[in-house]
Amino acid sequence: MKWHELTISTREEVVEAISDYLHEAGAGGVAIEESGSLERPRDTKLGQWYDRPLNNIPIGDAVIQGYFAEETEMEPLIAAIEPFIAGLREFDLDPGDFKLSYKMVDEEDWADSWKKYFKPIRVSERLTIRPTWEEYEAGPNERIIDLDPGMAFGTGTHPTTALCLRTLDSVIRGGEEVIDVGTGSGILAIGAMKLGAKAVLAVDLDPVAVSSAKENTRLNGLSEQIDVRLSDLLGVLKGETKDESGADAGPINVSVPVDVVVANILAEIIMLFIGDVYDALKPGGIYIASGIWKNKEEVVEQGLLQAGFEIVDRRREDDWIAFVASKPKAGE
């Protein structure tokens, strides 16, 4: 089978927005390559493995490749993508002097080639991500997340995902009920369970993500503890959740309000449901919000404060930020 390989050269801060657009446009897979420059600092305090060869992408730049079925009409697709990327500037996201090109490739040239770069990675004091095709022996107190993300979802190597996992490692003490909004591969839901959460409700609006998260949940033996639904947070609050086929999925596995909500989503989306998160949390509950580029830090901070949250911490990696916010306890 042949695929159109659409290549977009742009800036790192717009990677998630463009990737989401490509998925919505019907991409069968999206690959992202960020700077591998020798000058780029790499965090090795947890012994992370960086087997991916260095590249000549300048620091701050990225190359995104979307794969579309052979029958896809590429000219109309590109005609729609170009103004979308240019329009990101209206949201204070700078795509830089972006360039687009495409060519036809054989499926075997891309479908599995990325796997050779995905090695076991220690992302926090207690959590290590192990791709299902790699051998790895866990050390003392090391919890393993087995992951087969497919071509479309997170591996845990992106700063926003790593920030969420490290923050969960500091927040989860054992016995918490958690909601993971925009679960993708299910990696954050699985991480929360591995750290000792009682139960996790994982929601996503993409049926393919729901299927991917369910499969990774099964790989980790957590299908009974992680409930994956086709929904957003408002749907959860209204009791309107579905399975990946679109059928009503019945009662959820957590009691709302919950102890922790985690969302690794674009800042613009985070701003849309801050009030829903507040309603979904118990007094004293914790909200972990990631996927925030540095230029959106202030607006997200103000949104959290206006909703009534107290900001108790913020974590940074590269130019990405994760907020840790608390819903005040009664009487505070």
C-alpha atoms as a PDB file:
ATOM      1  CA  MET A   1       0.000   0.000   0.000  1.00  0.00           C
ATOM      2  CA  LYS A   2       1.190   3.505  -0.808  1.00  0.00           C
ATOM      3  CA  TRP A   3       0.667   6.689   1.207  1.00  0.00           C
ATOM      4  CA  HIS A   4       1.110  10.405   0.667  1.00  0.00           C
ATOM      5  CA  GLU A   5       3.790  11.692   3.049  1.00  0.00           C
ATOM      6  CA  LEU A   6       3.053  15.342   3.870  1.00  0.00           C
ATOM      7  CA  THR A   7       6.065  17.094   5.441  1.00  0.00           C
ATOM      8  CA  ILE A   8       5.664  20.352   7.375  1.00  0.00           C
ATOM      9  CA  SER A   9       8.728  22.251   8.614  1.00  0.00           C
ATOM     10  CA  THR A  10       7.740  24.643  11.381  1.00  0.00           C
ATOM     11  CA  ARG A  11       8.299  25.632  15.039  1.00  0.00           C
ATOM     12  CA  GLU A  12       8.017  23.332  18.070  1.00  0.00           C
ATOM     13  CA  GLU A  13       5.335  25.415  19.761  1.00  0.00           C
ATOM     14  CA  VAL A  14       2.760  24.574  17.053  1.00  0.00           C
ATOM     15  CA  VAL A  15       3.484  20.833  16.867  1.00  0.00           C
ATOM     16  CA  GLU A  16       0.455  19.747  18.885  1.00  0.00           C
ATOM     17  CA  ALA A  17      -1.979  22.072  17.098  1.00  0.00           C
ATOM     18  CA  ILE A  18      -0.830  20.896  13.652  1.00  0.00           C
ATOM     19  CA  SER A  19      -0.737  17.236  14.699  1.00  0.00           C
ATOM     20  CA  ASP A  20      -4.321  17.465  15.946  1.00  0.00           C
ATOM     21  CA  TYR A  21      -5.347  19.082  12.658  1.00  0.00           C
ATOM     22  CA  LEU A  22      -3.706  16.307  10.623  1.00  0.00           C
ATOM     23  CA  HIS A  23      -5.502  13.632  12.650  1.00  0.00           C
ATOM     24  CA  GLU A  24      -8.815  15.420  12.123  1.00  0.00           C
ATOM     25  CA  ALA A  25      -8.038  15.668   8.403  1.00  0.00           C
ATOM     26  CA  GLY A  26      -7.753  11.878   8.191  1.00  0.00           C
ATOM     27  CA  ALA A  27      -4.042  11.169   8.610  1.00  0.00           C
ATOM     28  CA  GLY A  28      -3.297   7.493   9.094  1.00  0.00           C
ATOM     29  CA  GLY A  29      -0.282   8.440  11.187  1.00  0.00           C
ATOM     30  CA  VAL A  30       1.718  11.457  12.319  1.00  0.00           C
ATOM     31  CA  ALA A  31       5.465  11.481  13.014  1.00  0.00           C
ATOM     32  CA  ILE A  32       7.208  14.369  14.786  1.00  0.00           C
ATOM     33  CA  GLU A  33      10.930  15.090  14.809  1.00  0.00           C
ATOM     34  CA  GLU A  34      12.267  17.911  16.946  1.00  0.00           C
ATOM     35  CA  SER A  35      15.786  19.315  17.191  1.00  0.00           C
ATOM     36  CA  GLY A  36      18.555  16.799  17.714  1.00  0.00           C
ATOM     37  CA  SER A  37      21.255  19.449  17.756  1.00  0.00           C
ATOM     38  CA  LEU A  38      24.332  18.850  19.864  1.00  0.00           C
ATOM     39  CA  GLU A  39      23.707  22.259  21.449  1.00  0.00           C
ATOM     40  CA  ARG A  40      20.280  21.242  22.785  1.00  0.00           C
ATOM     41  CA  PRO A  41      20.379  20.378  26.511  1.00  0.00           C
ATOM     42  CA  ARG A  42      19.097  16.914  27.390  1.00  0.00           C
ATOM     43  CA  ASP A  43      17.796  15.895  30.786  1.00  0.00           C
ATOM     44  CA  THR A  44      19.604  12.735  31.897  1.00  0.00           C
ATOM     45  CA  LYS A  45      19.138  12.922  35.673  1.00  0.00           C
ATOM     46  CA  LEU A  46      16.847   9.900  35.558  1.00  0.00           C
ATOM     47  CA  GLY A  47      19.074   8.004  33.127  1.00  0.00           C
ATOM     48  CA  GLN A  48      16.900   8.549  30.056  1.00  0.00           C
ATOM     49  CA  TRP A  49      17.968   6.752  26.917  1.00  0.00           C
ATOM     50  CA  TYR A  50      18.558   8.935  23.869  1.00  0.00           C
ATOM     51  CA  ASP A  51      19.283   6.442  21.108  1.00  0.00           C
ATOM     52  CA  ARG A  52      17.742   8.575  18.388  1.00  0.00           C
ATOM     53  CA  PRO A  53      20.508   9.876  16.102  1.00  0.00           C
ATOM     54  CA  LEU A  54      21.177  13.596  16.113  1.00  0.00           C
ATOM     55  CA  ASN A  55      19.719  15.656  13.272  1.00  0.00           C
ATOM     56  CA  ASN A  56      20.351  19.071  11.821  1.00  0.00           C
ATOM     57  CA  ILE A  57      16.987  20.598  12.774  1.00  0.00           C
ATOM     58  CA  PRO A  58      17.682  23.965  14.460  1.00  0.00           C
ATOM     59  CA  ILE A  59      16.774  24.335  18.123  1.00  0.00           C
ATOM     60  CA  GLY A  60      13.130  25.381  18.406  1.00  0.00           C
ATOM     61  CA  ASP A  61      12.178  23.957  15.006  1.00  0.00           C
ATOM     62  CA  ALA A  62      10.354  20.726  14.209  1.00  0.00           C
ATOM     63  CA  VAL A  63       9.395  18.563  11.247  1.00  0.00           C
ATOM     64  CA  ILE A  64       5.926  17.000  11.192  1.00  0.00           C
ATOM     65  CA  GLN A  65       5.022  14.240   8.743  1.00  0.00           C
ATOM     66  CA  GLY A  66       1.427  13.207   8.163  1.00  0.00           C
ATOM     67  CA  TYR A  67       0.542  10.083   6.185  1.00  0.00           C
ATOM     68  CA  PHE A  68      -2.579  10.062   4.039  1.00  0.00           C
ATOM     69  CA  ALA A  69      -4.117   7.217   2.038  1.00  0.00           C
ATOM     70  CA  GLU A  70      -3.199   6.985  -1.646  1.00  0.00           C
ATOM     71  CA  GLU A  71      -6.641   8.104  -2.816  1.00  0.00           C
ATOM     72  CA  THR A  72      -6.474  11.359  -0.825  1.00  0.00           C
ATOM     73  CA  GLU A  73      -6.633  14.532  -2.933  1.00  0.00           C
ATOM     74  CA  MET A  74      -3.577  16.357  -1.611  1.00  0.00           C
ATOM     75  CA  GLU A  75      -3.915  19.753  -3.311  1.00  0.00           C
ATOM     76  CA  PRO A  76      -7.222  20.650  -1.575  1.00  0.00           C
ATOM     77  CA  LEU A  77      -5.799  19.322   1.697  1.00  0.00           C
ATOM     78  CA  ILE A  78      -2.727  21.550   1.453  1.00  0.00           C
ATOM     79  CA  ALA A  79      -4.909  24.484   0.415  1.00  0.00           C
ATOM     80  CA  ALA A  80      -6.795  24.061   3.715  1.00  0.00           C
ATOM     81  CA  ILE A  81      -3.747  23.397   5.907  1.00  0.00           C
ATOM     82  CA  GLU A  82      -1.725  26.447   4.850  1.00  0.00           C
ATOM     83  CA  PRO A  83      -4.220  29.072   6.113  1.00  0.00           C
ATOM     84  CA  PHE A  84      -4.799  27.008   9.267  1.00  0.00           C
ATOM     85  CA  ILE A  85      -1.085  27.107  10.111  1.00  0.00           C
ATOM     86  CA  ALA A  86      -0.795  30.798   9.262  1.00  0.00           C
ATOM     87  CA  GLY A  87      -3.874  31.464  11.405  1.00  0.00           C
ATOM     88  CA  LEU A  88      -2.189  30.028  14.500  1.00  0.00           C
ATOM     89  CA  ARG A  89      -0.526  33.419  14.911  1.00  0.00           C
ATOM     90  CA  GLU A  90      -3.917  34.771  15.978  1.00  0.00           C
ATOM     91  CA  PHE A  91      -3.631  32.491  19.024  1.00  0.00           C
ATOM     92  CA  ASP A  92      -0.094  33.695  19.819  1.00  0.00           C
ATOM     93  CA  LEU A  93       1.403  30.506  18.370  1.00  0.00           C
ATOM     94  CA  ASP A  94       4.287  31.181  15.989  1.00  0.00           C
ATOM     95  CA  PRO A  95       4.664  28.651  13.138  1.00  0.00           C
ATOM     96  CA  GLY A  96       7.686  30.560  11.808  1.00  0.00           C
ATOM     97  CA  ASP A  97       8.526  30.481   8.107  1.00  0.00           C
ATOM     98  CA  PHE A  98       6.772  27.128   7.644  1.00  0.00           C
ATOM     99  CA  LYS A  99       7.136  24.996   4.529  1.00  0.00           C
ATOM    100  CA  LEU A 100       4.995  22.151   3.151  1.00  0.00           C
ATOM    101  CA  SER A 101       5.834  19.392   0.683  1.00  0.00           C
ATOM    102  CA  TYR A 102       4.548  15.902  -0.091  1.00  0.00           C
ATOM    103  CA  LYS A 103       5.551  12.727  -1.882  1.00  0.00           C
ATOM    104  CA  MET A 104       4.343   9.152  -2.310  1.00  0.00           C
ATOM    105  CA  VAL A 105       5.936   6.449  -0.112  1.00  0.00           C
ATOM    106  CA  ASP A 106       5.449   2.723   0.482  1.00  0.00           C
ATOM    107  CA  GLU A 107       3.801   1.749   3.755  1.00  0.00           C
ATOM    108  CA  GLU A 108       6.733  -0.402   4.841  1.00  0.00           C
ATOM    109  CA  ASP A 109       8.971   2.669   4.576  1.00  0.00           C
ATOM    110  CA  TRP A 110       7.218   4.397   7.479  1.00  0.00           C
ATOM    111  CA  ALA A 111       4.703   2.239   9.358  1.00  0.00           C
ATOM    112  CA  ASP A 112       7.226   0.603  11.696  1.00  0.00           C
ATOM    113  CA  SER A 113      10.441   2.514  11.077  1.00  0.00           C
ATOM    114  CA  TRP A 114       9.828   4.878  14.027  1.00  0.00           C
ATOM    115  CA  LYS A 115       9.883   1.949  16.463  1.00  0.00           C
ATOM    116  CA  LYS A 116      13.665   1.647  16.330  1.00  0.00           C
ATOM    117  CA  TYR A 117      13.906   5.071  17.980  1.00  0.00           C
ATOM    118  CA  PHE A 118      11.487   4.321  20.835  1.00  0.00           C
ATOM    119  CA  LYS A 119      13.450   2.717  23.680  1.00  0.00           C
ATOM    120  CA  PRO A 120      12.613   2.229  27.386  1.00  0.00           C
ATOM    121  CA  ILE A 121      12.687   5.628  29.064  1.00  0.00           C
ATOM    122  CA  ARG A 122      12.737   6.515  32.756  1.00  0.00           C
ATOM    123  CA  VAL A 123      10.381   9.499  33.022  1.00  0.00           C
ATOM    124  CA  SER A 124      10.097   9.927  36.796  1.00  0.00           C
ATOM    125  CA  GLU A 125      11.452   8.566  40.070  1.00  0.00           C
ATOM    126  CA  ARG A 126       9.057   5.609  39.903  1.00  0.00           C
ATOM    127  CA  LEU A 127       7.888   5.344  36.284  1.00  0.00           C
ATOM    128  CA  THR A 128       9.571   3.832  33.230  1.00  0.00           C
ATOM    129  CA  ILE A 129       7.901   3.479  29.822  1.00  0.00           C
ATOM    130  CA  ARG A 130       8.708   0.259  28.000  1.00  0.00           C
ATOM    131  CA  PRO A 131       7.624  -0.268  24.376  1.00  0.00           C
ATOM    132  CA  THR A 132       6.108  -3.725  24.004  1.00  0.00           C
ATOM    133  CA  TRP A 133       8.782  -4.839  21.530  1.00  0.00           C
ATOM    134  CA  GLU A 134      11.728  -4.026  23.849  1.00  0.00           C
ATOM    135  CA  GLU A 135      13.247  -6.142  26.645  1.00  0.00           C
ATOM    136  CA  TYR A 136      13.770  -4.307  29.931  1.00  0.00           C
ATOM    137  CA  GLU A 137      14.285  -5.452  33.511  1.00  0.00           C
ATOM    138  CA  ALA A 138      12.720  -3.222  36.170  1.00  0.00           C
ATOM    139  CA  GLY A 139      14.790  -2.105  39.146  1.00  0.00           C
ATOM    140  CA  PRO A 140      13.669  -1.746  42.780  1.00  0.00           C
ATOM    141  CA  ASN A 141      10.588   0.496  43.196  1.00  0.00           C
ATOM    142  CA  GLU A 142      10.386   0.981  39.415  1.00  0.00           C
ATOM    143  CA  ARG A 143       6.894   0.761  37.891  1.00  0.00           C
ATOM    144  CA  ILE A 144       6.712  -0.202  34.225  1.00  0.00           C
ATOM    145  CA  ILE A 145       4.223   1.232  31.738  1.00  0.00           C
ATOM    146  CA  ASP A 146       4.013  -1.145  28.781  1.00  0.00           C
ATOM    147  CA  LEU A 147       3.062   0.847  25.714  1.00  0.00           C
ATOM    148  CA  ASP A 148       2.273   0.264  22.067  1.00  0.00           C
ATOM    149  CA  PRO A 149       1.183   3.756  21.048  1.00  0.00           C
ATOM    150  CA  GLY A 150       0.530   3.073  17.389  1.00  0.00           C
ATOM    151  CA  MET A 151       1.400   5.749  14.866  1.00  0.00           C
ATOM    152  CA  ALA A 152      -0.952   8.393  16.212  1.00  0.00           C
ATOM    153  CA  PHE A 153      -0.500   8.801  19.947  1.00  0.00           C
ATOM    154  CA  GLY A 154       2.011   9.718  22.619  1.00  0.00           C
ATOM    155  CA  THR A 155       5.024   7.670  23.663  1.00  0.00           C
ATOM    156  CA  GLY A 156       5.838   9.734  26.762  1.00  0.00           C
ATOM    157  CA  THR A 157       8.922  11.329  25.254  1.00  0.00           C
ATOM    158  CA  HIS A 158       7.269  14.675  24.527  1.00  0.00           C
ATOM    159  CA  PRO A 159       7.909  17.251  27.283  1.00  0.00           C
ATOM    160  CA  THR A 160       4.208  17.760  28.022  1.00  0.00           C
ATOM    161  CA  THR A 161       3.586  14.053  28.634  1.00  0.00           C
ATOM    162  CA  ALA A 162       6.756  13.667  30.673  1.00  0.00           C
ATOM    163  CA  LEU A 163       5.786  16.696  32.776  1.00  0.00           C
ATOM    164  CA  CYS A 164       2.386  15.145  33.525  1.00  0.00           C
ATOM    165  CA  LEU A 165       3.877  11.790  34.508  1.00  0.00           C
ATOM    166  CA  ARG A 166       6.435  13.408  36.811  1.00  0.00           C
ATOM    167  CA  THR A 167       3.752  15.545  38.377  1.00  0.00           C
ATOM    168  CA  LEU A 168       1.483  12.530  38.885  1.00  0.00           C
ATOM    169  CA  ASP A 169       4.433  10.839  40.592  1.00  0.00           C
ATOM    170  CA  SER A 170       4.497  13.662  43.145  1.00  0.00           C
ATOM    171  CA  VAL A 171       0.706  13.931  43.544  1.00  0.00           C
ATOM    172  CA  ILE A 172      -0.543  10.326  43.694  1.00  0.00           C
ATOM    173  CA  ARG A 173      -0.197   8.942  47.193  1.00  0.00           C
ATOM    174  CA  GLY A 174      -2.496   5.931  46.838  1.00  0.00           C
ATOM    175  CA  GLY A 175      -6.250   5.376  46.680  1.00  0.00           C
ATOM    176  CA  GLU A 176      -7.161   8.408  44.516  1.00  0.00           C
ATOM    177  CA  GLU A 177      -9.916   8.487  41.912  1.00  0.00           C
ATOM    178  CA  VAL A 178      -8.644  10.223  38.754  1.00  0.00           C
ATOM    179  CA  ILE A 179     -10.058  11.599  35.494  1.00  0.00           C
ATOM    180  CA  ASP A 180      -7.674  11.778  32.497  1.00  0.00           C
ATOM    181  CA  VAL A 181      -9.047  14.257  29.922  1.00  0.00           C
ATOM    182  CA  GLY A 182      -7.861  13.713  26.331  1.00  0.00           C
ATOM    183  CA  THR A 183      -6.246  10.386  27.173  1.00  0.00           C
ATOM    184  CA  GLY A 184      -4.706   9.611  23.740  1.00  0.00           C
ATOM    185  CA  SER A 185      -2.667   6.420  24.163  1.00  0.00           C
ATOM    186  CA  GLY A 186      -3.851   6.137  27.785  1.00  0.00           C
ATOM    187  CA  ILE A 187      -0.344   6.682  29.112  1.00  0.00           C
ATOM    188  CA  LEU A 188      -1.324   9.103  31.896  1.00  0.00           C
ATOM    189  CA  ALA A 189      -4.207   6.922  33.060  1.00  0.00           C
ATOM    190  CA  ILE A 190      -1.900   3.894  33.186  1.00  0.00           C
ATOM    191  CA  GLY A 191       0.782   5.928  34.973  1.00  0.00           C
ATOM    192  CA  ALA A 192      -1.715   7.034  37.627  1.00  0.00           C
ATOM    193  CA  MET A 193      -2.736   3.440  38.273  1.00  0.00           C
ATOM    194  CA  LYS A 194       0.869   2.241  38.436  1.00  0.00           C
ATOM    195  CA  LEU A 195       1.508   4.931  41.061  1.00  0.00           C
ATOM    196  CA  GLY A 196      -1.324   3.664  43.263  1.00  0.00           C
ATOM    197  CA  ALA A 197      -4.556   5.358  42.169  1.00  0.00           C
ATOM    198  CA  LYS A 198      -7.755   3.477  43.027  1.00  0.00           C
ATOM    199  CA  ALA A 199      -9.474   3.999  39.649  1.00  0.00           C
ATOM    200  CA  VAL A 200      -9.128   6.165  36.537  1.00  0.00           C
ATOM    201  CA  LEU A 201     -11.746   7.388  34.095  1.00  0.00           C
ATOM    202  CA  ALA A 202      -9.997   8.127  30.772  1.00  0.00           C
ATOM    203  CA  VAL A 203     -11.909  10.174  28.185  1.00  0.00           C
ATOM    204  CA  ASP A 204     -11.188  11.269  24.635  1.00  0.00           C
ATOM    205  CA  LEU A 205     -13.288  12.612  21.749  1.00  0.00           C
ATOM    206  CA  ASP A 206     -11.388  10.533  19.153  1.00  0.00           C
ATOM    207  CA  PRO A 207     -12.702   6.945  18.732  1.00  0.00           C
ATOM    208  CA  VAL A 208      -9.256   5.828  17.526  1.00  0.00           C
ATOM    209  CA  ALA A 209      -7.703   7.198  20.728  1.00  0.00           C
ATOM    210  CA  VAL A 210     -10.321   5.351  22.782  1.00  0.00           C
ATOM    211  CA  SER A 211      -9.399   2.079  21.042  1.00  0.00           C
ATOM    212  CA  SER A 212      -5.670   2.750  21.505  1.00  0.00           C
ATOM    213  CA  ALA A 213      -6.099   3.570  25.202  1.00  0.00           C
ATOM    214  CA  LYS A 214      -8.194   0.453  25.764  1.00  0.00           C
ATOM    215  CA  GLU A 215      -5.541  -1.737  24.151  1.00  0.00           C
ATOM    216  CA  ASN A 216      -2.712  -0.223  26.210  1.00  0.00           C
ATOM    217  CA  THR A 217      -4.837  -0.563  29.343  1.00  0.00           C
ATOM    218  CA  ARG A 218      -5.260  -4.248  28.510  1.00  0.00           C
ATOM    219  CA  LEU A 219      -1.514  -4.675  27.902  1.00  0.00           C
ATOM    220  CA  ASN A 220      -0.893  -3.420  31.439  1.00  0.00           C
ATOM    221  CA  GLY A 221      -3.558  -5.640  33.014  1.00  0.00           C
ATOM    222  CA  LEU A 222      -5.621  -2.625  34.109  1.00  0.00           C
ATOM    223  CA  SER A 223      -8.873  -3.023  32.170  1.00  0.00           C
ATOM    224  CA  GLU A 224     -10.848  -3.386  35.401  1.00  0.00           C
ATOM    225  CA  GLN A 225      -9.376  -0.252  36.989  1.00  0.00           C
ATOM    226  CA  ILE A 226      -9.254   2.106  33.964  1.00  0.00           C
ATOM    227  CA  ASP A 227     -12.566   2.974  32.307  1.00  0.00           C
ATOM    228  CA  VAL A 228     -11.997   4.407  28.806  1.00  0.00           C
ATOM    229  CA  ARG A 229     -14.882   6.419  27.339  1.00  0.00           C
ATOM    230  CA  LEU A 230     -15.694   8.451  24.244  1.00  0.00           C
ATOM    231  CA  SER A 231     -16.477  11.784  25.896  1.00  0.00           C
ATOM    232  CA  ASP A 232     -15.217  15.098  27.169  1.00  0.00           C
ATOM    233  CA  LEU A 233     -15.363  16.309  30.752  1.00  0.00           C
ATOM    234  CA  LEU A 234     -18.710  18.043  30.318  1.00  0.00           C
ATOM    235  CA  GLY A 235     -20.132  14.769  29.043  1.00  0.00           C
ATOM    236  CA  VAL A 236     -18.886  13.057  32.194  1.00  0.00           C
ATOM    237  CA  LEU A 237     -20.539  15.690  34.394  1.00  0.00           C
ATOM    238  CA  LYS A 238     -23.796  15.226  32.476  1.00  0.00           C
ATOM    239  CA  GLY A 239     -23.564  11.443  32.561  1.00  0.00           C
ATOM    240  CA  GLU A 240     -23.234  11.245  28.772  1.00  0.00           C
ATOM    241  CA  THR A 241     -20.348   8.916  27.890  1.00  0.00           C
ATOM    242  CA  LYS A 242     -20.004   6.371  25.097  1.00  0.00           C
ATOM    243  CA  ASP A 243     -17.738   3.545  23.980  1.00  0.00           C
ATOM    244  CA  GLU A 244     -15.654   3.781  20.794  1.00  0.00           C
ATOM    245  CA  SER A 245     -18.620   2.572  18.707  1.00  0.00           C
ATOM    246  CA  GLY A 246     -20.721   5.502  19.918  1.00  0.00           C
ATOM    247  CA  ALA A 247     -23.062   3.380  22.049  1.00  0.00           C
ATOM    248  CA  ASP A 248     -24.009   4.465  25.562  1.00  0.00           C
ATOM    249  CA  ALA A 249     -21.418   2.991  27.921  1.00  0.00           C
ATOM    250  CA  GLY A 250     -23.404   3.045  31.168  1.00  0.00           C
ATOM    251  CA  PRO A 251     -22.187   4.070  34.634  1.00  0.00           C
ATOM    252  CA  ILE A 252     -18.602   5.259  35.004  1.00  0.00           C
ATOM    253  CA  ASN A 253     -16.066   3.691  37.403  1.00  0.00           C
ATOM    254  CA  VAL A 254     -15.339   6.767  39.539  1.00  0.00           C
ATOM    255  CA  SER A 255     -17.489   8.889  41.846  1.00  0.00           C
ATOM    256  CA  VAL A 256     -17.568  12.513  40.726  1.00  0.00           C
ATOM    257  CA  PRO A 257     -16.229  14.718  42.255  1.00  0.00           C
ATOM    258  CA  VAL A 258     -12.815  13.014  42.150  1.00  0.00           C
ATOM    259  CA  ASP A 259      -9.417  13.570  43.760  1.00  0.00           C
ATOM    260  CA  VAL A 260      -7.323  14.364  40.653  1.00  0.00           C
ATOM    261  CA  VAL A 261      -7.977  15.606  37.106  1.00  0.00           C
ATOM    262  CA  VAL A 262      -5.129  15.564  34.590  1.00  0.00           C
ATOM    263  CA  ALA A 263      -5.284  17.116  31.105  1.00  0.00           C
ATOM    264  CA  ASN A 264      -2.460  17.187  28.572  1.00  0.00           C
ATOM    265  CA  ILE A 265      -4.159  19.331  25.931  1.00  0.00           C
ATOM    266  CA  LEU A 266      -3.519  22.599  24.108  1.00  0.00           C
ATOM    267  CA  ALA A 267      -3.846  25.717  26.250  1.00  0.00           C
ATOM    268  CA  GLU A 268      -6.743  26.987  24.138  1.00  0.00           C
ATOM    269  CA  ILE A 269      -8.721  23.819  24.934  1.00  0.00           C
ATOM    270  CA  ILE A 270      -7.735  23.894  28.601  1.00  0.00           C
ATOM    271  CA  MET A 271      -9.259  27.364  28.866  1.00  0.00           C
ATOM    272  CA  LEU A 272     -12.597  26.080  27.584  1.00  0.00           C
ATOM    273  CA  PHE A 273     -13.283  23.650  30.440  1.00  0.00           C
ATOM    274  CA  ILE A 274     -11.568  25.068  33.535  1.00  0.00           C
ATOM    275  CA  GLY A 275     -14.982  25.505  35.173  1.00  0.00           C
ATOM    276  CA  ASP A 276     -15.901  21.886  34.402  1.00  0.00           C
ATOM    277  CA  VAL A 277     -12.665  20.715  36.041  1.00  0.00           C
ATOM    278  CA  TYR A 278     -13.463  22.773  39.143  1.00  0.00           C
ATOM    279  CA  ASP A 279     -16.899  21.122  39.346  1.00  0.00           C
ATOM    280  CA  ALA A 280     -15.383  17.653  38.813  1.00  0.00           C
ATOM    281  CA  LEU A 281     -12.945  17.953  41.753  1.00  0.00           C
ATOM    282  CA  LYS A 282     -13.469  17.432  45.456  1.00  0.00           C
ATOM    283  CA  PRO A 283     -12.473  20.295  47.777  1.00  0.00           C
ATOM    284  CA  GLY A 284      -8.727  19.871  48.128  1.00  0.00           C
ATOM    285  CA  GLY A 285      -8.586  18.059  44.782  1.00  0.00           C
ATOM    286  CA  ILE A 286      -5.679  18.562  42.368  1.00  0.00           C
ATOM    287  CA  TYR A 287      -5.769  19.648  38.732  1.00  0.00           C
ATOM    288  CA  ILE A 288      -2.686  18.931  36.578  1.00  0.00           C
ATOM    289  CA  ALA A 289      -2.843  20.946  33.341  1.00  0.00           C
ATOM    290  CA  SER A 290      -0.144  20.488  30.717  1.00  0.00           C
ATOM    291  CA  GLY A 291       0.338  21.072  26.980  1.00  0.00           C
ATOM    292  CA  ILE A 292       0.950  24.768  27.657  1.00  0.00           C
ATOM    293  CA  TRP A 293       3.557  26.632  25.610  1.00  0.00           C
ATOM    294  CA  LYS A 294       5.388  29.437  27.410  1.00  0.00           C
ATOM    295  CA  ASN A 295       3.474  32.214  25.641  1.00  0.00           C
ATOM    296  CA  LYS A 296       0.202  30.896  27.136  1.00  0.00           C
ATOM    297  CA  GLU A 297       1.442  30.624  30.716  1.00  0.00           C
ATOM    298  CA  GLU A 298      -0.066  33.884  31.942  1.00  0.00           C
ATOM    299  CA  VAL A 299      -3.492  33.421  30.349  1.00  0.00           C
ATOM    300  CA  VAL A 300      -3.842  29.888  31.754  1.00  0.00           C
ATOM    301  CA  GLU A 301      -2.687  31.083  35.166  1.00  0.00           C
ATOM    302  CA  GLN A 302      -5.313  33.826  35.164  1.00  0.00           C
ATOM    303  CA  GLY A 303      -7.991  31.389  33.996  1.00  0.00           C
ATOM    304  CA  LEU A 304      -7.213  29.015  36.850  1.00  0.00           C
ATOM    305  CA  LEU A 305      -7.255  31.796  39.437  1.00  0.00           C
ATOM    306  CA  GLN A 306     -10.509  33.274  38.128  1.00  0.00           C
ATOM    307  CA  ALA A 307     -12.155  29.844  38.330  1.00  0.00           C
ATOM    308  CA  GLY A 308     -11.239  29.679  42.030  1.00  0.00           C
ATOM    309  CA  PHE A 309      -8.165  27.456  41.894  1.00  0.00           C
ATOM    310  CA  GLU A 310      -5.028  27.984  43.943  1.00  0.00           C
ATOM    311  CA  ILE A 311      -1.807  27.393  42.000  1.00  0.00           C
ATOM    312  CA  VAL A 312       0.445  25.233  44.151  1.00  0.00           C
ATOM    313  CA  ASP A 313       3.213  24.432  41.660  1.00  0.00           C
ATOM    314  CA  ARG A 314       4.293  24.729  38.067  1.00  0.00           C
ATOM    315  CA  ARG A 315       6.744  22.444  36.286  1.00  0.00           C
ATOM    316  CA  ARG A 316       8.802  23.320  33.213  1.00  0.00           C
ATOM    317  CA  GLU A 317      10.620  21.419  30.504  1.00  0.00           C
ATOM    318  CA  ASP A 318      12.071  23.179  27.493  1.00  0.00           C
ATOM    319  CA  ASP A 319       9.440  25.873  26.849  1.00  0.00           C
ATOM    320  CA  TRP A 320       6.460  23.818  28.069  1.00  0.00           C
ATOM    321  CA  ILE A 321       4.655  24.332  31.380  1.00  0.00           C
ATOM    322  CA  ALA A 322       2.479  22.108  33.559  1.00  0.00           C
ATOM    323  CA  PHE A 323       0.346  23.748  36.254  1.00  0.00           C
ATOM    324  CA  VAL A 324      -0.595  22.038  39.495  1.00  0.00           C
ATOM    325  CA  ALA A 325      -3.698  23.718  40.903  1.00  0.00           C
ATOM    326  CA  SER A 326      -5.778  22.923  43.967  1.00  0.00           C
ATOM    327  CA  LYS A 327      -9.495  23.407  44.589  1.00  0.00           C
ATOM    328  CA  PRO A 328      -9.729  25.074  48.014  1.00  0.00           C
ATOM    329  CA  LYS A 329     -11.081  22.995  50.870  1.00  0.00           C
ATOM    330  CA  ALA A 330     -14.382  23.975  52.430  1.00  0.00           C
ATOM    331  CA  GLY A 331     -14.007  27.039  54.649  1.00  0.00           C
ATOM    332  CA  GLU A 332     -10.761  28.216  53.054  1.00  0.00           C
END
